Amino acid sequence: MTLKLGRHAFDDNDALMMAIVNRTPDSFFDQGATWAEDKAFERVRQVVAQGAEIVDIGGIKAAPGVEIGPEEEKARVVDFVARVRAEFPSLVISVDTWRAEVGDAVCRAGADVLNDAWGGADPELVDVAAQHRAAIICTHTGGVTPRTRPYRIEYDDVVAAVLADCEAYAQRALDAGVARDSIVIDPAHDFGKNTFHSLEVTRRLPELVATGWPVLVSLSNKDFVGETLDVPVGERLTGTLAATAVCALAGARIYRVHQVVETRQTVDMVWSIAGRRPPARAIRGLQ
């Protein structure tokens, strides 16, 4: 279906790159490279030039660490969102937050999407999205507390759990008044899952796509890739792209990424093989 992200609309044949921009000093991948505002803004300019349709701005790393309250989170992201919106009016701005208070502030500053990585931990976030006509990302985390690591979580059927929780969250958003075409589901690889769970979710992603909700995948350099291949964070691109190709063949619509160019080429190639996208040019044997 047509996907509406705030003031921006995309048709069924658009696969979208969501580039990660961390306003944190301790993120697992970039280790604070974009903690300074000017460095973060350089990152935005870079990914826009590389073709990212969405930037996902986050003020707190997902892993356990120093407690960051809502005021500090807002200080890290609200003015930055306003600055990005002023320079890039056609860019989709997403903010990675689970807090309704922060969501309200960033939407007022110009955000289009609330990316709730913690599965509805703050039930009022859907109301904020509805109030501002923003899109919302509905994730599955198995009920874990924000910023905690999963420990021996078990599922009778992890994909059934993902489907049930994501669809229930999507329904809550719909009931709150969020537009149907502004709701996205995300199985949330690694969140509330061990590596076997994340691999199974990847393998069975067509079941999520079959719900009709647009599917976002956040695979980039995740631990399930590192553990599967026994490689550290800086050496996970190949494994990430392999998982990306599987999700692209299944029909995932949005890809939350660190490496825009490599992911774009992978997704475009797979979508062309799947018949969803024509080649950029096709002259071989025709001229």
C-alpha atoms as a PDB file:
ATOM      1  CA  MET A   1       0.000   0.000   0.000  1.00  0.00           C
ATOM      2  CA  THR A   2       1.017   3.650  -0.340  1.00  0.00           C
ATOM      3  CA  LEU A   3       3.186   4.588   2.621  1.00  0.00           C
ATOM      4  CA  LYS A   4       2.780   8.018   4.200  1.00  0.00           C
ATOM      5  CA  LEU A   5       5.583   9.198   6.469  1.00  0.00           C
ATOM      6  CA  GLY A   6       4.499  12.525   7.855  1.00  0.00           C
ATOM      7  CA  ARG A   7       4.331  14.955   4.945  1.00  0.00           C
ATOM      8  CA  HIS A   8       5.890  12.487   2.488  1.00  0.00           C
ATOM      9  CA  ALA A   9       4.280   9.674   0.464  1.00  0.00           C
ATOM     10  CA  PHE A  10       5.856   6.655  -1.247  1.00  0.00           C
ATOM     11  CA  ASP A  11       4.334   4.066  -3.542  1.00  0.00           C
ATOM     12  CA  ASP A  12       4.532   0.291  -3.367  1.00  0.00           C
ATOM     13  CA  ASN A  13       7.663   0.041  -5.492  1.00  0.00           C
ATOM     14  CA  ASP A  14       9.760   2.308  -3.286  1.00  0.00           C
ATOM     15  CA  ALA A  15      12.294   0.590  -1.054  1.00  0.00           C
ATOM     16  CA  LEU A  16      13.528   3.183   1.418  1.00  0.00           C
ATOM     17  CA  MET A  17      16.877   3.704   3.107  1.00  0.00           C
ATOM     18  CA  MET A  18      16.687   4.939   6.710  1.00  0.00           C
ATOM     19  CA  ALA A  19      20.153   6.184   7.659  1.00  0.00           C
ATOM     20  CA  ILE A  20      21.144   6.060  11.322  1.00  0.00           C
ATOM     21  CA  VAL A  21      22.338   9.311  12.916  1.00  0.00           C
ATOM     22  CA  ASN A  22      23.349   8.898  16.555  1.00  0.00           C
ATOM     23  CA  ARG A  23      23.402  11.925  18.859  1.00  0.00           C
ATOM     24  CA  THR A  24      25.105   9.800  21.493  1.00  0.00           C
ATOM     25  CA  PRO A  25      28.686   9.545  22.763  1.00  0.00           C
ATOM     26  CA  ASP A  26      28.614   5.761  23.131  1.00  0.00           C
ATOM     27  CA  SER A  27      26.771   4.058  20.271  1.00  0.00           C
ATOM     28  CA  PHE A  28      27.939   0.530  19.547  1.00  0.00           C
ATOM     29  CA  PHE A  29      28.852   1.071  15.883  1.00  0.00           C
ATOM     30  CA  ASP A  30      30.239   4.586  15.487  1.00  0.00           C
ATOM     31  CA  GLN A  31      31.533   4.978  19.053  1.00  0.00           C
ATOM     32  CA  GLY A  32      30.407   8.590  19.308  1.00  0.00           C
ATOM     33  CA  ALA A  33      31.572   9.752  15.869  1.00  0.00           C
ATOM     34  CA  THR A  34      28.412  11.862  15.467  1.00  0.00           C
ATOM     35  CA  TRP A  35      27.990  12.901  19.095  1.00  0.00           C
ATOM     36  CA  ALA A  36      28.999  16.506  18.319  1.00  0.00           C
ATOM     37  CA  GLU A  37      26.162  18.341  16.584  1.00  0.00           C
ATOM     38  CA  ASP A  38      28.244  19.504  13.631  1.00  0.00           C
ATOM     39  CA  LYS A  39      29.534  15.960  13.082  1.00  0.00           C
ATOM     40  CA  ALA A  40      25.984  14.652  13.202  1.00  0.00           C
ATOM     41  CA  PHE A  41      24.926  17.264  10.677  1.00  0.00           C
ATOM     42  CA  GLU A  42      27.795  16.270   8.393  1.00  0.00           C
ATOM     43  CA  ARG A  43      26.479  12.720   8.621  1.00  0.00           C
ATOM     44  CA  VAL A  44      23.010  13.913   7.579  1.00  0.00           C
ATOM     45  CA  ARG A  45      24.448  15.745   4.574  1.00  0.00           C
ATOM     46  CA  GLN A  46      26.470  12.670   3.619  1.00  0.00           C
ATOM     47  CA  VAL A  47      23.578  10.195   3.732  1.00  0.00           C
ATOM     48  CA  VAL A  48      21.250  12.571   1.898  1.00  0.00           C
ATOM     49  CA  ALA A  49      23.864  12.852  -0.855  1.00  0.00           C
ATOM     50  CA  GLN A  50      24.029   9.044  -0.922  1.00  0.00           C
ATOM     51  CA  GLY A  51      20.287   8.838  -1.516  1.00  0.00           C
ATOM     52  CA  ALA A  52      18.787   8.076   1.891  1.00  0.00           C
ATOM     53  CA  GLU A  53      15.131   9.035   1.972  1.00  0.00           C
ATOM     54  CA  ILE A  54      14.955   8.922   5.781  1.00  0.00           C
ATOM     55  CA  VAL A  55      17.273   9.819   8.640  1.00  0.00           C
ATOM     56  CA  ASP A  56      16.682   8.186  12.012  1.00  0.00           C
ATOM     57  CA  ILE A  57      17.979  10.396  14.802  1.00  0.00           C
ATOM     58  CA  GLY A  58      18.562   8.860  18.216  1.00  0.00           C
ATOM     59  CA  GLY A  59      19.566  10.404  21.527  1.00  0.00           C
ATOM     60  CA  ILE A  60      20.070   7.244  23.592  1.00  0.00           C
ATOM     61  CA  LYS A  61      21.936   4.078  22.732  1.00  0.00           C
ATOM     62  CA  ALA A  62      19.875   0.915  22.968  1.00  0.00           C
ATOM     63  CA  ALA A  63      22.304  -0.970  25.194  1.00  0.00           C
ATOM     64  CA  PRO A  64      22.503  -0.531  28.971  1.00  0.00           C
ATOM     65  CA  GLY A  65      24.512   2.465  30.105  1.00  0.00           C
ATOM     66  CA  VAL A  66      24.287   5.834  31.809  1.00  0.00           C
ATOM     67  CA  GLU A  67      20.709   6.772  32.621  1.00  0.00           C
ATOM     68  CA  ILE A  68      19.410   9.412  30.202  1.00  0.00           C
ATOM     69  CA  GLY A  69      16.234  11.174  31.308  1.00  0.00           C
ATOM     70  CA  PRO A  70      13.686  12.768  28.980  1.00  0.00           C
ATOM     71  CA  GLU A  71      15.113  16.283  29.401  1.00  0.00           C
ATOM     72  CA  GLU A  72      18.592  15.178  28.372  1.00  0.00           C
ATOM     73  CA  GLU A  73      17.174  13.144  25.491  1.00  0.00           C
ATOM     74  CA  LYS A  74      15.260  16.202  24.263  1.00  0.00           C
ATOM     75  CA  ALA A  75      18.376  18.350  24.582  1.00  0.00           C
ATOM     76  CA  ARG A  76      20.198  15.943  22.285  1.00  0.00           C
ATOM     77  CA  VAL A  77      17.577  15.669  19.549  1.00  0.00           C
ATOM     78  CA  VAL A  78      14.921  18.405  19.465  1.00  0.00           C
ATOM     79  CA  ASP A  79      16.974  21.368  18.236  1.00  0.00           C
ATOM     80  CA  PHE A  80      18.879  19.043  15.937  1.00  0.00           C
ATOM     81  CA  VAL A  81      15.641  17.875  14.333  1.00  0.00           C
ATOM     82  CA  ALA A  82      14.644  21.501  13.780  1.00  0.00           C
ATOM     83  CA  ARG A  83      18.006  22.218  12.140  1.00  0.00           C
ATOM     84  CA  VAL A  84      17.717  19.215   9.827  1.00  0.00           C
ATOM     85  CA  ARG A  85      14.153  20.124   8.914  1.00  0.00           C
ATOM     86  CA  ALA A  86      15.178  23.682   8.029  1.00  0.00           C
ATOM     87  CA  GLU A  87      17.921  22.551   5.632  1.00  0.00           C
ATOM     88  CA  PHE A  88      16.223  19.454   4.181  1.00  0.00           C
ATOM     89  CA  PRO A  89      12.492  20.119   3.771  1.00  0.00           C
ATOM     90  CA  SER A  90      11.955  17.059   1.567  1.00  0.00           C
ATOM     91  CA  LEU A  91      13.773  14.618   3.863  1.00  0.00           C
ATOM     92  CA  VAL A  92      11.827  12.237   6.080  1.00  0.00           C
ATOM     93  CA  ILE A  93      12.956  12.744   9.671  1.00  0.00           C
ATOM     94  CA  SER A  94      12.493   9.861  12.090  1.00  0.00           C
ATOM     95  CA  VAL A  95      13.371   9.947  15.782  1.00  0.00           C
ATOM     96  CA  ASP A  96      14.288   6.802  17.681  1.00  0.00           C
ATOM     97  CA  THR A  97      12.486   7.219  21.008  1.00  0.00           C
ATOM     98  CA  TRP A  98      10.034   5.289  23.160  1.00  0.00           C
ATOM     99  CA  ARG A  99       8.998   8.295  25.274  1.00  0.00           C
ATOM    100  CA  ALA A 100       5.792  10.171  24.475  1.00  0.00           C
ATOM    101  CA  GLU A 101       7.197  13.377  25.988  1.00  0.00           C
ATOM    102  CA  VAL A 102      10.167  13.285  23.640  1.00  0.00           C
ATOM    103  CA  GLY A 103       7.975  12.267  20.716  1.00  0.00           C
ATOM    104  CA  ASP A 104       5.762  15.300  21.205  1.00  0.00           C
ATOM    105  CA  ALA A 105       8.747  17.652  21.309  1.00  0.00           C
ATOM    106  CA  VAL A 106      10.427  16.256  18.183  1.00  0.00           C
ATOM    107  CA  CYS A 107       7.183  16.266  16.202  1.00  0.00           C
ATOM    108  CA  ARG A 108       6.740  19.928  17.077  1.00  0.00           C
ATOM    109  CA  ALA A 109      10.290  20.472  15.779  1.00  0.00           C
ATOM    110  CA  GLY A 110       9.511  18.798  12.450  1.00  0.00           C
ATOM    111  CA  ALA A 111       9.862  15.020  12.831  1.00  0.00           C
ATOM    112  CA  ASP A 112       7.726  12.837  10.553  1.00  0.00           C
ATOM    113  CA  VAL A 113       8.181   9.413  12.155  1.00  0.00           C
ATOM    114  CA  LEU A 114       8.381   8.075  15.704  1.00  0.00           C
ATOM    115  CA  ASN A 115      10.539   4.961  15.686  1.00  0.00           C
ATOM    116  CA  ASP A 116       9.674   3.128  18.892  1.00  0.00           C
ATOM    117  CA  ALA A 117      12.361   0.488  19.263  1.00  0.00           C
ATOM    118  CA  TRP A 118      10.913  -0.708  22.579  1.00  0.00           C
ATOM    119  CA  GLY A 119       7.554  -2.131  21.600  1.00  0.00           C
ATOM    120  CA  GLY A 120       5.139   0.371  23.127  1.00  0.00           C
ATOM    121  CA  ALA A 121       6.827   0.754  26.519  1.00  0.00           C
ATOM    122  CA  ASP A 122       5.142   4.166  26.762  1.00  0.00           C
ATOM    123  CA  PRO A 123       1.514   3.576  25.724  1.00  0.00           C
ATOM    124  CA  GLU A 124       0.940   7.297  25.103  1.00  0.00           C
ATOM    125  CA  LEU A 125       3.359   7.399  22.173  1.00  0.00           C
ATOM    126  CA  VAL A 126       0.597   6.344  19.762  1.00  0.00           C
ATOM    127  CA  ASP A 127      -1.498   9.298  20.925  1.00  0.00           C
ATOM    128  CA  VAL A 128       1.373  11.661  20.181  1.00  0.00           C
ATOM    129  CA  ALA A 129       1.764  10.206  16.692  1.00  0.00           C
ATOM    130  CA  ALA A 130      -1.954  10.633  16.050  1.00  0.00           C
ATOM    131  CA  GLN A 131      -1.974  14.203  17.356  1.00  0.00           C
ATOM    132  CA  HIS A 132       0.846  15.239  15.025  1.00  0.00           C
ATOM    133  CA  ARG A 133      -0.218  13.048  12.078  1.00  0.00           C
ATOM    134  CA  ALA A 134       3.149  11.347  12.305  1.00  0.00           C
ATOM    135  CA  ALA A 135       3.993   7.811  11.264  1.00  0.00           C
ATOM    136  CA  ILE A 136       4.912   5.244  13.889  1.00  0.00           C
ATOM    137  CA  ILE A 137       7.143   2.157  13.828  1.00  0.00           C
ATOM    138  CA  CYS A 138       5.588  -0.697  15.839  1.00  0.00           C
ATOM    139  CA  THR A 139       8.231  -3.134  17.054  1.00  0.00           C
ATOM    140  CA  HIS A 140       8.351  -6.475  18.820  1.00  0.00           C
ATOM    141  CA  THR A 141      10.658  -6.725  21.825  1.00  0.00           C
ATOM    142  CA  GLY A 142       9.154  -9.569  23.819  1.00  0.00           C
ATOM    143  CA  GLY A 143       8.192  -7.173  26.599  1.00  0.00           C
ATOM    144  CA  VAL A 144      11.735  -6.383  27.712  1.00  0.00           C
ATOM    145  CA  THR A 145      12.410  -3.171  29.624  1.00  0.00           C
ATOM    146  CA  PRO A 146      13.980  -0.412  27.505  1.00  0.00           C
ATOM    147  CA  ARG A 147      17.769  -0.484  27.432  1.00  0.00           C
ATOM    148  CA  THR A 148      18.089  -3.989  28.821  1.00  0.00           C
ATOM    149  CA  ARG A 149      19.558  -7.019  27.092  1.00  0.00           C
ATOM    150  CA  PRO A 150      17.453 -10.149  26.614  1.00  0.00           C
ATOM    151  CA  TYR A 151      18.327 -13.046  28.900  1.00  0.00           C
ATOM    152  CA  ARG A 152      17.182 -16.569  28.109  1.00  0.00           C
ATOM    153  CA  ILE A 153      13.945 -15.412  26.490  1.00  0.00           C
ATOM    154  CA  GLU A 154      11.988 -18.325  25.077  1.00  0.00           C
ATOM    155  CA  TYR A 155       9.164 -18.460  22.539  1.00  0.00           C
ATOM    156  CA  ASP A 156       7.050 -21.394  21.456  1.00  0.00           C
ATOM    157  CA  ASP A 157       7.132 -19.739  18.022  1.00  0.00           C
ATOM    158  CA  VAL A 158       9.079 -16.497  17.777  1.00  0.00           C
ATOM    159  CA  VAL A 159       7.459 -15.416  14.511  1.00  0.00           C
ATOM    160  CA  ALA A 160       3.976 -16.019  15.902  1.00  0.00           C
ATOM    161  CA  ALA A 161       4.933 -13.820  18.873  1.00  0.00           C
ATOM    162  CA  VAL A 162       6.287 -11.120  16.568  1.00  0.00           C
ATOM    163  CA  LEU A 163       3.135 -11.189  14.454  1.00  0.00           C
ATOM    164  CA  ALA A 164       0.824 -11.040  17.458  1.00  0.00           C
ATOM    165  CA  ASP A 165       2.648  -8.192  19.181  1.00  0.00           C
ATOM    166  CA  CYS A 166       3.292  -6.098  16.063  1.00  0.00           C
ATOM    167  CA  GLU A 167      -0.299  -6.406  14.877  1.00  0.00           C
ATOM    168  CA  ALA A 168      -1.622  -5.601  18.355  1.00  0.00           C
ATOM    169  CA  TYR A 169       0.612  -2.514  18.502  1.00  0.00           C
ATOM    170  CA  ALA A 170      -0.486  -1.480  15.005  1.00  0.00           C
ATOM    171  CA  GLN A 171      -4.115  -1.830  16.073  1.00  0.00           C
ATOM    172  CA  ARG A 172      -3.494   0.342  19.151  1.00  0.00           C
ATOM    173  CA  ALA A 173      -2.003   2.980  16.881  1.00  0.00           C
ATOM    174  CA  LEU A 174      -4.967   2.723  14.542  1.00  0.00           C
ATOM    175  CA  ASP A 175      -7.421   3.000  17.445  1.00  0.00           C
ATOM    176  CA  ALA A 176      -5.558   6.085  18.689  1.00  0.00           C
ATOM    177  CA  GLY A 177      -6.078   7.781  15.338  1.00  0.00           C
ATOM    178  CA  VAL A 178      -2.831   7.144  13.477  1.00  0.00           C
ATOM    179  CA  ALA A 179      -3.557   6.798   9.761  1.00  0.00           C
ATOM    180  CA  ARG A 180      -3.422   3.223   8.481  1.00  0.00           C
ATOM    181  CA  ASP A 181      -0.918   4.182   5.789  1.00  0.00           C
ATOM    182  CA  SER A 182       1.387   5.679   8.436  1.00  0.00           C
ATOM    183  CA  ILE A 183       1.880   2.501  10.473  1.00  0.00           C
ATOM    184  CA  VAL A 184       4.947   0.299   9.954  1.00  0.00           C
ATOM    185  CA  ILE A 185       5.897  -2.925  11.738  1.00  0.00           C
ATOM    186  CA  ASP A 186       9.412  -4.025  12.688  1.00  0.00           C
ATOM    187  CA  PRO A 187      10.353  -7.476  14.051  1.00  0.00           C
ATOM    188  CA  ALA A 188      13.295  -5.774  15.823  1.00  0.00           C
ATOM    189  CA  HIS A 189      16.184  -8.153  15.258  1.00  0.00           C
ATOM    190  CA  ASP A 190      18.248  -8.687  18.450  1.00  0.00           C
ATOM    191  CA  PHE A 191      15.685  -6.877  20.646  1.00  0.00           C
ATOM    192  CA  GLY A 192      14.137  -9.443  22.985  1.00  0.00           C
ATOM    193  CA  LYS A 193      15.700 -12.184  20.887  1.00  0.00           C
ATOM    194  CA  ASN A 194      18.736 -14.424  20.760  1.00  0.00           C
ATOM    195  CA  THR A 195      20.599 -15.118  17.535  1.00  0.00           C
ATOM    196  CA  PHE A 196      18.481 -18.169  16.665  1.00  0.00           C
ATOM    197  CA  HIS A 197      15.336 -16.064  17.023  1.00  0.00           C
ATOM    198  CA  SER A 198      16.683 -13.317  14.761  1.00  0.00           C
ATOM    199  CA  LEU A 199      17.730 -15.834  12.126  1.00  0.00           C
ATOM    200  CA  GLU A 200      14.278 -17.418  12.161  1.00  0.00           C
ATOM    201  CA  VAL A 201      12.575 -14.036  11.878  1.00  0.00           C
ATOM    202  CA  THR A 202      14.765 -13.265   8.858  1.00  0.00           C
ATOM    203  CA  ARG A 203      13.983 -16.613   7.234  1.00  0.00           C
ATOM    204  CA  ARG A 204      10.233 -16.213   7.824  1.00  0.00           C
ATOM    205  CA  LEU A 205       9.955 -12.506   7.031  1.00  0.00           C
ATOM    206  CA  PRO A 206       7.407 -13.221   4.242  1.00  0.00           C
ATOM    207  CA  GLU A 207       4.908 -13.967   7.014  1.00  0.00           C
ATOM    208  CA  LEU A 208       5.253 -10.396   8.297  1.00  0.00           C
ATOM    209  CA  VAL A 209       5.017  -8.935   4.808  1.00  0.00           C
ATOM    210  CA  ALA A 210       1.849 -10.969   4.225  1.00  0.00           C
ATOM    211  CA  THR A 211       0.066  -8.997   6.973  1.00  0.00           C
ATOM    212  CA  GLY A 212      -0.128  -6.031   4.595  1.00  0.00           C
ATOM    213  CA  TRP A 213       1.640  -3.704   7.003  1.00  0.00           C
ATOM    214  CA  PRO A 214       4.838  -2.176   5.560  1.00  0.00           C
ATOM    215  CA  VAL A 215       7.825  -3.888   7.177  1.00  0.00           C
ATOM    216  CA  LEU A 216      10.983  -2.172   8.415  1.00  0.00           C
ATOM    217  CA  VAL A 217      14.108  -4.183   9.156  1.00  0.00           C
ATOM    218  CA  SER A 218      17.008  -3.001  11.271  1.00  0.00           C
ATOM    219  CA  LEU A 219      19.794  -5.461  10.517  1.00  0.00           C
ATOM    220  CA  SER A 220      22.837  -3.264  10.251  1.00  0.00           C
ATOM    221  CA  ASN A 221      25.852  -4.723  12.062  1.00  0.00           C
ATOM    222  CA  LYS A 222      23.626  -6.383  14.649  1.00  0.00           C
ATOM    223  CA  ASP A 223      24.852  -8.986  17.129  1.00  0.00           C
ATOM    224  CA  PHE A 224      22.982 -11.822  15.407  1.00  0.00           C
ATOM    225  CA  VAL A 225      25.178 -11.183  12.351  1.00  0.00           C
ATOM    226  CA  GLY A 226      28.325 -11.016  14.452  1.00  0.00           C
ATOM    227  CA  GLU A 227      27.535 -14.193  16.355  1.00  0.00           C
ATOM    228  CA  THR A 228      26.508 -16.123  13.256  1.00  0.00           C
ATOM    229  CA  LEU A 229      29.776 -15.335  11.480  1.00  0.00           C
ATOM    230  CA  ASP A 230      31.960 -14.847  14.586  1.00  0.00           C
ATOM    231  CA  VAL A 231      33.054 -11.364  13.537  1.00  0.00           C
ATOM    232  CA  PRO A 232      33.347  -8.090  15.489  1.00  0.00           C
ATOM    233  CA  VAL A 233      31.246  -4.994  14.882  1.00  0.00           C
ATOM    234  CA  GLY A 234      33.547  -3.486  12.264  1.00  0.00           C
ATOM    235  CA  GLU A 235      33.502  -6.634  10.104  1.00  0.00           C
ATOM    236  CA  ARG A 236      29.762  -7.318   9.788  1.00  0.00           C
ATOM    237  CA  LEU A 237      28.924  -5.585   6.514  1.00  0.00           C
ATOM    238  CA  THR A 238      28.969  -8.724   4.349  1.00  0.00           C
ATOM    239  CA  GLY A 239      26.728 -10.616   6.758  1.00  0.00           C
ATOM    240  CA  THR A 240      24.444  -7.604   7.076  1.00  0.00           C
ATOM    241  CA  LEU A 241      24.040  -7.409   3.308  1.00  0.00           C
ATOM    242  CA  ALA A 242      23.309 -11.142   3.084  1.00  0.00           C
ATOM    243  CA  ALA A 243      20.506 -10.758   5.623  1.00  0.00           C
ATOM    244  CA  THR A 244      19.361  -7.622   3.812  1.00  0.00           C
ATOM    245  CA  ALA A 245      19.079  -9.534   0.531  1.00  0.00           C
ATOM    246  CA  VAL A 246      16.856 -12.154   2.174  1.00  0.00           C
ATOM    247  CA  CYS A 247      14.593  -9.461   3.634  1.00  0.00           C
ATOM    248  CA  ALA A 248      14.531  -7.569   0.338  1.00  0.00           C
ATOM    249  CA  LEU A 249      13.407 -10.670  -1.545  1.00  0.00           C
ATOM    250  CA  ALA A 250      10.621 -11.065   1.020  1.00  0.00           C
ATOM    251  CA  GLY A 251       9.484  -7.496   0.378  1.00  0.00           C
ATOM    252  CA  ALA A 252      10.629  -5.403   3.344  1.00  0.00           C
ATOM    253  CA  ARG A 253       9.980  -1.729   2.573  1.00  0.00           C
ATOM    254  CA  ILE A 254      12.354   0.199   4.882  1.00  0.00           C
ATOM    255  CA  TYR A 255      15.995  -0.627   5.758  1.00  0.00           C
ATOM    256  CA  ARG A 256      17.548   1.043   8.803  1.00  0.00           C
ATOM    257  CA  VAL A 257      21.249   1.198   7.995  1.00  0.00           C
ATOM    258  CA  HIS A 258      24.690   2.527   8.759  1.00  0.00           C
ATOM    259  CA  GLN A 259      26.035   1.959   5.214  1.00  0.00           C
ATOM    260  CA  VAL A 260      23.616   3.550   2.753  1.00  0.00           C
ATOM    261  CA  VAL A 261      25.346   2.960  -0.593  1.00  0.00           C
ATOM    262  CA  GLU A 262      26.067  -0.726  -0.085  1.00  0.00           C
ATOM    263  CA  THR A 263      22.588  -1.435   1.248  1.00  0.00           C
ATOM    264  CA  ARG A 264      20.906   0.521  -1.549  1.00  0.00           C
ATOM    265  CA  GLN A 265      22.758  -1.461  -4.215  1.00  0.00           C
ATOM    266  CA  THR A 266      21.892  -4.754  -2.514  1.00  0.00           C
ATOM    267  CA  VAL A 267      18.209  -3.912  -2.199  1.00  0.00           C
ATOM    268  CA  ASP A 268      17.933  -2.476  -5.717  1.00  0.00           C
ATOM    269  CA  MET A 269      19.533  -5.584  -7.196  1.00  0.00           C
ATOM    270  CA  VAL A 270      17.208  -7.908  -5.296  1.00  0.00           C
ATOM    271  CA  TRP A 271      14.126  -5.836  -6.100  1.00  0.00           C
ATOM    272  CA  SER A 272      15.071  -5.932  -9.779  1.00  0.00           C
ATOM    273  CA  ILE A 273      15.481  -9.709  -9.651  1.00  0.00           C
ATOM    274  CA  ALA A 274      12.079  -9.900  -7.958  1.00  0.00           C
ATOM    275  CA  GLY A 275      10.539  -7.804 -10.740  1.00  0.00           C
ATOM    276  CA  ARG A 276       9.649  -4.845  -8.532  1.00  0.00           C
ATOM    277  CA  ARG A 277      12.196  -2.463 -10.051  1.00  0.00           C
ATOM    278  CA  PRO A 278      13.470  -2.072 -13.627  1.00  0.00           C
ATOM    279  CA  PRO A 279      17.228  -1.963 -14.239  1.00  0.00           C
ATOM    280  CA  ALA A 280      18.710   1.540 -14.186  1.00  0.00           C
ATOM    281  CA  ARG A 281      19.695   0.864 -17.807  1.00  0.00           C
ATOM    282  CA  ALA A 282      19.413  -2.187 -20.047  1.00  0.00           C
ATOM    283  CA  ILE A 283      21.220  -1.961 -23.374  1.00  0.00           C
ATOM    284  CA  ARG A 284      23.048  -5.291 -23.478  1.00  0.00           C
ATOM    285  CA  GLY A 285      21.856  -7.224 -26.536  1.00  0.00           C
ATOM    286  CA  LEU A 286      19.593  -4.355 -27.540  1.00  0.00           C
ATOM    287  CA  GLN A 287      22.115  -2.109 -29.297  1.00  0.00           C
END
